[in-house]
Amino acid sequence: MARHLPPLSAITAVFLLFTVPVQGRRGGSGGGTVSLHFPTGWDGAAFVIAIIATIFLACIFIVSIQTFFMHLNKNPHHLFSQQQPVGKANTGQLFCTLVVLSLTLLTAYFPLFIVFIRPDPSGGLLPYALTYMAIYSSHAFAAGALLALVSHRRHLHFGQEGTSLWKKGLDIAIIGFMITFIIIWTSLAALFSTYNHRSQALDAMEAMEHLRVAFYYLATVDIFVSAAFLWRRLKADGIYDQAISNLCFRASYFFISLAIFNVIEDALKWERLLLRNHHHVTNFQVLTFFNILINAVCCYFGLAWVLQVYGKKICFCRFNMG
């Protein structure tokens, strides 16, 4: 992975050169000076975290691309430790595809955030809508990827016997509802300036946000309950599955923490709706900082541990592949 870091750093530096929050102040005809005003306080801290997250997530994005083509080229040796699979290895392609989609949006979120916190933002809620659409959609695709991973590993070990149509239907319904709520929320936010009754639009956006968070929490419960039952079944049969073990005992800490933070963040935003015309107790600059920090840490390490089974060494994760 080390050979990828220099070009990624260069690309990031060029991107920041043109998108960093800047306020220009020029003199007369002889030219003048341009003063740079970087965000300060909590916004400045979030700005720095976003830069760091962009670099590291770009690295793990490259790993996800490699795993995608590894599956596409039918190279399944990295999937098994001791026994031959009962089911087909190509069922893992859906997992790889959803991970790539999730990391694409997640990697885009932090640069969008860097642009979004300009000192003098303009353009209504469209930048806001695009920024948060990226992170919300990334969460939905990541949840779908983990559900696909559990289904894939169950199929590998038990074939059609381990496949349940009602469970697949439940998984698809949960992720489908999440994506639907995200699309509605994004449309409402992007077109906000065109509405005559904006308070009603805000109420509708808040409702979509509550539903999205509720289904994300439900998806997280679904993922780890399913993974825990599969792990117990494999253990009873004397089978060790590294992917499921990593998901249950390593990645789970990060994804469950992220789901809990989503619920807390949604409750604090609900306080803003209830006190729309009154003093807010919550400091939303602090909340934004923790949004950036927790999303960066939890998504990076959670997905890194999930991808560990593919034998890729990712920064700050120690892998022992035997």
Protein backbone atom coordinates (compact mmCIF):
# COMPACT_ATOMS: atom_id res chain seq x y z
CA MET A 1 0.00 0.00 0.00
CA ALA A 2 2.92 2.37 0.60
CA ARG A 3 3.44 2.98 -3.10
CA HIS A 4 -0.05 4.51 -3.36
CA LEU A 5 0.44 7.16 -0.67
CA PRO A 6 2.54 9.76 -2.55
CA PRO A 7 0.14 10.24 -5.49
CA LEU A 8 -2.84 10.26 -3.13
CA SER A 9 -1.20 12.94 -1.00
CA ALA A 10 -0.40 14.98 -4.10
CA ILE A 11 -3.96 14.73 -5.40
CA THR A 12 -5.33 15.73 -2.01
CA ALA A 13 -2.96 18.72 -1.83
CA VAL A 14 -4.04 19.92 -5.29
CA PHE A 15 -7.70 19.46 -4.35
CA LEU A 16 -7.29 21.45 -1.15
CA LEU A 17 -5.39 24.19 -2.97
CA PHE A 18 -8.48 25.00 -5.01
CA THR A 19 -11.20 24.17 -2.51
CA VAL A 20 -9.90 25.30 0.88
CA PRO A 21 -12.11 27.98 2.43
CA VAL A 22 -10.71 31.29 1.15
CA GLN A 23 -11.78 34.92 1.30
CA GLY A 24 -9.99 37.09 -1.22
CA ARG A 25 -9.05 40.72 -0.60
CA ARG A 26 -7.42 42.41 -3.59
CA GLY A 27 -5.92 45.83 -3.92
CA GLY A 28 -6.06 48.29 -6.80
CA SER A 29 -4.96 47.97 -10.40
CA GLY A 30 -1.43 47.11 -9.36
CA GLY A 31 -2.54 43.78 -8.05
CA GLY A 32 -2.93 43.29 -4.33
CA THR A 33 -2.93 40.61 -1.71
CA VAL A 34 -5.12 37.64 -1.02
CA SER A 35 -5.65 36.71 2.62
CA LEU A 36 -6.54 33.14 3.56
CA HIS A 37 -9.08 32.70 6.34
CA PHE A 38 -9.15 29.13 7.53
CA PRO A 39 -11.94 27.88 9.80
CA THR A 40 -11.19 28.29 13.49
CA GLY A 41 -12.38 26.70 16.69
CA TRP A 42 -14.46 23.55 16.34
CA ASP A 43 -14.94 24.13 12.60
CA GLY A 44 -11.16 24.30 12.19
CA ALA A 45 -10.70 21.05 14.10
CA ALA A 46 -13.35 19.36 11.93
CA PHE A 47 -11.59 20.75 8.85
CA VAL A 48 -8.29 19.11 9.87
CA ILE A 49 -9.97 15.77 10.65
CA ALA A 50 -11.69 15.86 7.25
CA ILE A 51 -8.36 16.33 5.46
CA ILE A 52 -6.77 13.39 7.30
CA ALA A 53 -9.83 11.21 6.75
CA THR A 54 -9.80 11.91 3.01
CA ILE A 55 -6.24 10.59 2.70
CA PHE A 56 -6.75 7.41 4.72
CA LEU A 57 -10.14 6.58 3.22
CA ALA A 58 -8.64 6.95 -0.26
CA CYS A 59 -6.17 4.21 0.72
CA ILE A 60 -8.87 1.81 1.87
CA PHE A 61 -10.90 2.68 -1.23
CA ILE A 62 -8.02 1.31 -3.34
CA VAL A 63 -8.10 -1.89 -1.28
CA SER A 64 -11.84 -2.24 -1.91
CA ILE A 65 -11.24 -1.91 -5.67
CA GLN A 66 -8.62 -4.66 -5.48
CA THR A 67 -10.98 -6.98 -3.61
CA PHE A 68 -13.71 -6.26 -6.17
CA PHE A 69 -11.51 -7.43 -9.06
CA MET A 70 -10.21 -10.34 -6.99
CA HIS A 71 -13.76 -11.65 -6.81
CA LEU A 72 -14.50 -10.69 -10.39
CA ASN A 73 -11.52 -12.72 -11.58
CA LYS A 74 -12.79 -15.75 -9.61
CA ASN A 75 -9.81 -15.89 -7.30
CA PRO A 76 -11.42 -17.22 -4.11
CA HIS A 77 -8.37 -18.70 -2.36
CA HIS A 78 -8.39 -15.84 0.16
CA LEU A 79 -11.86 -16.76 1.39
CA PHE A 80 -11.21 -20.06 3.13
CA SER A 81 -8.86 -21.21 5.83
CA GLN A 82 -9.38 -24.94 6.34
CA GLN A 83 -12.26 -26.40 4.35
CA GLN A 84 -13.62 -26.25 0.83
CA PRO A 85 -16.81 -24.21 0.39
CA VAL A 86 -20.19 -25.88 0.03
CA GLY A 87 -21.76 -22.93 -1.79
CA LYS A 88 -20.51 -20.79 -4.65
CA ALA A 89 -17.80 -18.20 -4.00
CA ASN A 90 -19.25 -15.74 -6.53
CA THR A 91 -21.99 -14.79 -4.05
CA GLY A 92 -19.39 -12.49 -2.50
CA GLN A 93 -19.43 -10.16 -5.53
CA LEU A 94 -22.43 -8.26 -4.12
CA PHE A 95 -20.52 -7.60 -0.90
CA CYS A 96 -17.51 -6.25 -2.80
CA THR A 97 -19.69 -4.07 -5.05
CA LEU A 98 -21.53 -2.49 -2.10
CA VAL A 99 -18.26 -1.86 -0.23
CA VAL A 100 -16.87 -0.03 -3.26
CA LEU A 101 -20.03 2.08 -3.53
CA SER A 102 -19.95 2.86 0.19
CA LEU A 103 -16.29 3.89 0.17
CA THR A 104 -16.75 5.96 -3.00
CA LEU A 105 -19.43 8.06 -1.27
CA LEU A 106 -17.60 8.09 2.05
CA THR A 107 -14.38 9.30 0.44
CA ALA A 108 -16.37 12.02 -1.35
CA TYR A 109 -18.10 13.14 1.85
CA PHE A 110 -15.07 14.65 3.55
CA PRO A 111 -13.89 16.79 0.59
CA LEU A 112 -17.51 17.95 0.19
CA PHE A 113 -17.53 18.87 3.86
CA ILE A 114 -14.28 20.82 3.42
CA VAL A 115 -15.94 22.86 0.65
CA PHE A 116 -19.20 23.13 2.57
CA ILE A 117 -17.72 24.94 5.60
CA ARG A 118 -16.59 27.99 3.63
CA PRO A 119 -16.88 31.17 5.73
CA ASP A 120 -19.44 32.65 3.32
CA PRO A 121 -21.47 29.74 1.93
CA SER A 122 -23.91 30.45 -0.87
CA GLY A 123 -26.27 28.44 -3.02
CA GLY A 124 -28.93 27.61 -0.45
CA LEU A 125 -29.15 24.06 0.86
CA LEU A 126 -27.89 22.32 -2.29
CA PRO A 127 -24.27 21.93 -1.02
CA TYR A 128 -25.67 20.74 2.32
CA ALA A 129 -27.94 18.24 0.57
CA LEU A 130 -25.10 16.80 -1.56
CA THR A 131 -22.72 16.60 1.38
CA TYR A 132 -25.03 14.70 3.68
CA MET A 133 -26.51 12.60 0.90
CA ALA A 134 -22.97 11.21 0.45
CA ILE A 135 -22.56 10.14 4.08
CA TYR A 136 -26.13 8.88 4.48
CA SER A 137 -25.89 6.80 1.29
CA SER A 138 -22.49 5.51 2.36
CA HIS A 139 -24.02 4.23 5.60
CA ALA A 140 -26.83 2.52 3.69
CA PHE A 141 -24.47 0.79 1.24
CA ALA A 142 -22.11 -0.23 4.07
CA ALA A 143 -25.01 -1.80 5.97
CA GLY A 144 -26.08 -3.59 2.79
CA ALA A 145 -22.51 -4.82 2.28
CA LEU A 146 -22.33 -6.31 5.78
CA LEU A 147 -25.69 -8.03 5.38
CA ALA A 148 -24.47 -9.38 2.02
CA LEU A 149 -21.25 -10.59 3.68
CA VAL A 150 -23.14 -12.55 6.35
CA SER A 151 -25.41 -14.09 3.71
CA HIS A 152 -22.38 -14.89 1.53
CA ARG A 153 -20.46 -16.64 4.31
CA ARG A 154 -23.56 -18.59 5.36
CA HIS A 155 -24.00 -19.74 1.76
CA LEU A 156 -20.34 -20.77 1.49
CA HIS A 157 -20.49 -23.01 4.54
CA PHE A 158 -24.01 -24.42 4.28
CA GLY A 159 -25.08 -23.92 0.66
CA GLN A 160 -28.78 -23.64 -0.06
CA GLU A 161 -29.51 -25.10 3.36
CA GLY A 162 -28.32 -21.89 4.99
CA THR A 163 -30.25 -19.61 2.64
CA SER A 164 -33.55 -18.19 3.87
CA LEU A 165 -35.77 -16.26 1.48
CA TRP A 166 -37.60 -14.37 4.23
CA LYS A 167 -34.25 -13.21 5.69
CA LYS A 168 -33.08 -11.98 2.30
CA GLY A 169 -36.39 -10.19 1.84
CA LEU A 170 -36.03 -8.52 5.26
CA ASP A 171 -32.48 -7.37 4.49
CA ILE A 172 -33.47 -5.95 1.10
CA ALA A 173 -36.51 -4.18 2.60
CA ILE A 174 -34.46 -2.50 5.36
CA ILE A 175 -31.80 -1.19 2.97
CA GLY A 176 -34.43 -0.27 0.36
CA PHE A 177 -36.39 1.83 2.87
CA MET A 178 -33.18 3.56 3.99
CA ILE A 179 -32.29 4.52 0.43
CA THR A 180 -35.86 5.72 -0.23
CA PHE A 181 -35.79 8.00 2.82
CA ILE A 182 -32.39 9.36 1.77
CA ILE A 183 -33.65 10.16 -1.74
CA ILE A 184 -36.70 11.98 -0.36
CA TRP A 185 -34.62 13.90 2.19
CA THR A 186 -32.07 14.93 -0.46
CA SER A 187 -34.79 16.11 -2.84
CA LEU A 188 -36.44 18.18 -0.12
CA ALA A 189 -33.15 19.76 0.92
CA ALA A 190 -31.95 20.45 -2.64
CA LEU A 191 -35.23 22.17 -3.60
CA PHE A 192 -35.71 23.94 -0.27
CA SER A 193 -35.31 27.46 -1.68
CA THR A 194 -38.22 26.90 -4.08
CA TYR A 195 -40.82 26.11 -1.40
CA ASN A 196 -43.42 28.62 -0.26
CA HIS A 197 -44.07 26.84 3.05
CA ARG A 198 -40.55 26.16 4.28
CA SER A 199 -41.56 25.18 7.80
CA GLN A 200 -43.52 22.26 6.36
CA ALA A 201 -40.53 21.28 4.24
CA LEU A 202 -38.33 21.33 7.35
CA ASP A 203 -40.83 19.11 9.16
CA ALA A 204 -40.81 16.66 6.25
CA MET A 205 -36.97 16.64 6.20
CA GLU A 206 -36.87 15.95 9.93
CA ALA A 207 -39.35 13.08 9.52
CA MET A 208 -37.23 11.51 6.76
CA GLU A 209 -34.15 11.92 8.95
CA HIS A 210 -35.82 10.14 11.89
CA LEU A 211 -36.93 7.28 9.64
CA ARG A 212 -33.47 6.94 8.08
CA VAL A 213 -31.80 6.77 11.50
CA ALA A 214 -34.37 4.27 12.78
CA PHE A 215 -33.84 1.94 9.83
CA TYR A 216 -30.05 2.33 10.06
CA TYR A 217 -30.19 1.27 13.70
CA LEU A 218 -32.48 -1.63 12.73
CA ALA A 219 -30.03 -2.64 9.98
CA THR A 220 -27.15 -2.60 12.50
CA VAL A 221 -29.09 -4.86 14.88
CA ASP A 222 -29.95 -7.16 11.96
CA ILE A 223 -26.30 -7.37 10.87
CA PHE A 224 -24.80 -8.32 14.20
CA VAL A 225 -27.60 -10.58 15.41
CA SER A 226 -27.32 -12.48 12.11
CA ALA A 227 -23.52 -12.58 12.36
CA ALA A 228 -23.65 -13.78 15.99
CA PHE A 229 -26.06 -16.63 15.15
CA LEU A 230 -23.88 -17.65 12.21
CA TRP A 231 -20.73 -17.54 14.36
CA ARG A 232 -22.36 -19.79 16.99
CA ARG A 233 -23.49 -22.25 14.33
CA LEU A 234 -20.00 -22.37 12.81
CA LYS A 235 -18.42 -22.80 16.23
CA ALA A 236 -20.76 -25.70 17.02
CA ASP A 237 -19.63 -27.37 13.77
CA GLY A 238 -15.97 -26.73 14.55
CA ILE A 239 -15.54 -24.24 11.68
CA TYR A 240 -13.49 -21.06 11.99
CA ASP A 241 -14.48 -18.22 9.66
CA GLN A 242 -12.17 -15.25 9.87
CA ALA A 243 -14.55 -12.86 8.12
CA ILE A 244 -17.40 -13.55 10.57
CA SER A 245 -15.04 -13.47 13.57
CA ASN A 246 -13.69 -10.09 12.48
CA LEU A 247 -17.21 -8.80 11.96
CA CYS A 248 -18.43 -10.01 15.37
CA PHE A 249 -15.43 -9.21 17.55
CA ARG A 250 -13.64 -6.30 15.86
CA ALA A 251 -15.71 -4.40 13.31
CA SER A 252 -18.83 -4.59 15.50
CA TYR A 253 -17.40 -2.14 18.04
CA PHE A 254 -17.06 0.55 15.39
CA PHE A 255 -20.34 0.02 13.54
CA ILE A 256 -22.42 -0.27 16.72
CA SER A 257 -20.77 2.90 18.07
CA LEU A 258 -21.61 4.67 14.81
CA ALA A 259 -25.26 3.56 15.00
CA ILE A 260 -25.54 4.80 18.60
CA PHE A 261 -23.99 8.13 17.63
CA ASN A 262 -26.52 8.47 14.80
CA VAL A 263 -29.36 8.08 17.30
CA ILE A 264 -27.81 10.64 19.68
CA GLU A 265 -27.15 13.09 16.86
CA ASP A 266 -30.72 12.73 15.61
CA ALA A 267 -32.08 13.39 19.12
CA LEU A 268 -29.98 16.57 19.39
CA LYS A 269 -31.18 17.74 15.98
CA TRP A 270 -34.75 17.05 17.15
CA GLU A 271 -34.07 19.46 20.02
CA ARG A 272 -33.22 22.09 17.41
CA LEU A 273 -36.58 21.50 15.69
CA LEU A 274 -38.52 21.74 18.95
CA LEU A 275 -36.71 24.93 19.93
CA ARG A 276 -36.66 26.43 16.42
CA ASN A 277 -37.49 29.91 17.70
CA HIS A 278 -35.77 29.64 21.07
CA HIS A 279 -32.31 29.30 22.55
CA HIS A 280 -30.53 26.06 21.62
CA VAL A 281 -28.87 24.07 24.36
CA THR A 282 -26.73 22.08 21.89
CA ASN A 283 -23.54 23.54 20.42
CA PHE A 284 -23.90 22.40 16.80
CA GLN A 285 -20.30 23.23 15.91
CA VAL A 286 -19.21 20.68 18.51
CA LEU A 287 -21.77 18.21 17.16
CA THR A 288 -20.44 18.70 13.62
CA PHE A 289 -16.89 18.07 14.83
CA PHE A 290 -17.88 14.78 16.47
CA ASN A 291 -19.89 13.85 13.37
CA ILE A 292 -16.72 14.16 11.27
CA LEU A 293 -14.48 12.44 13.83
CA ILE A 294 -16.75 9.48 14.61
CA ASN A 295 -17.67 8.85 10.98
CA ALA A 296 -14.00 8.94 9.99
CA VAL A 297 -12.78 6.60 12.76
CA CYS A 298 -15.70 4.14 12.84
CA CYS A 299 -16.09 3.78 9.08
CA TYR A 300 -12.35 3.47 8.46
CA PHE A 301 -11.59 0.86 11.11
CA GLY A 302 -14.90 -0.98 10.71
CA LEU A 303 -14.46 -1.49 6.98
CA ALA A 304 -10.72 -2.15 7.39
CA TRP A 305 -11.43 -5.10 9.69
CA VAL A 306 -14.08 -6.42 7.31
CA LEU A 307 -11.64 -6.28 4.39
CA GLN A 308 -8.89 -7.92 6.47
CA VAL A 309 -9.97 -11.37 5.28
CA TYR A 310 -8.70 -10.46 1.81
CA GLY A 311 -5.14 -10.31 3.11
CA LYS A 312 -4.67 -6.59 2.56
CA LYS A 313 -2.54 -4.61 5.03
CA ILE A 314 -4.36 -1.38 5.79
CA CYS A 315 -2.84 1.45 7.82
CA PHE A 316 -3.29 1.15 11.61
CA CYS A 317 -4.82 -2.35 11.44
CA ARG A 318 -2.58 -5.26 12.40
CA PHE A 319 -3.30 -8.40 10.42
CA ASN A 320 -2.09 -11.92 11.05
CA MET A 321 -2.92 -14.01 8.03
CA GLY A 322 -1.15 -17.16 9.15
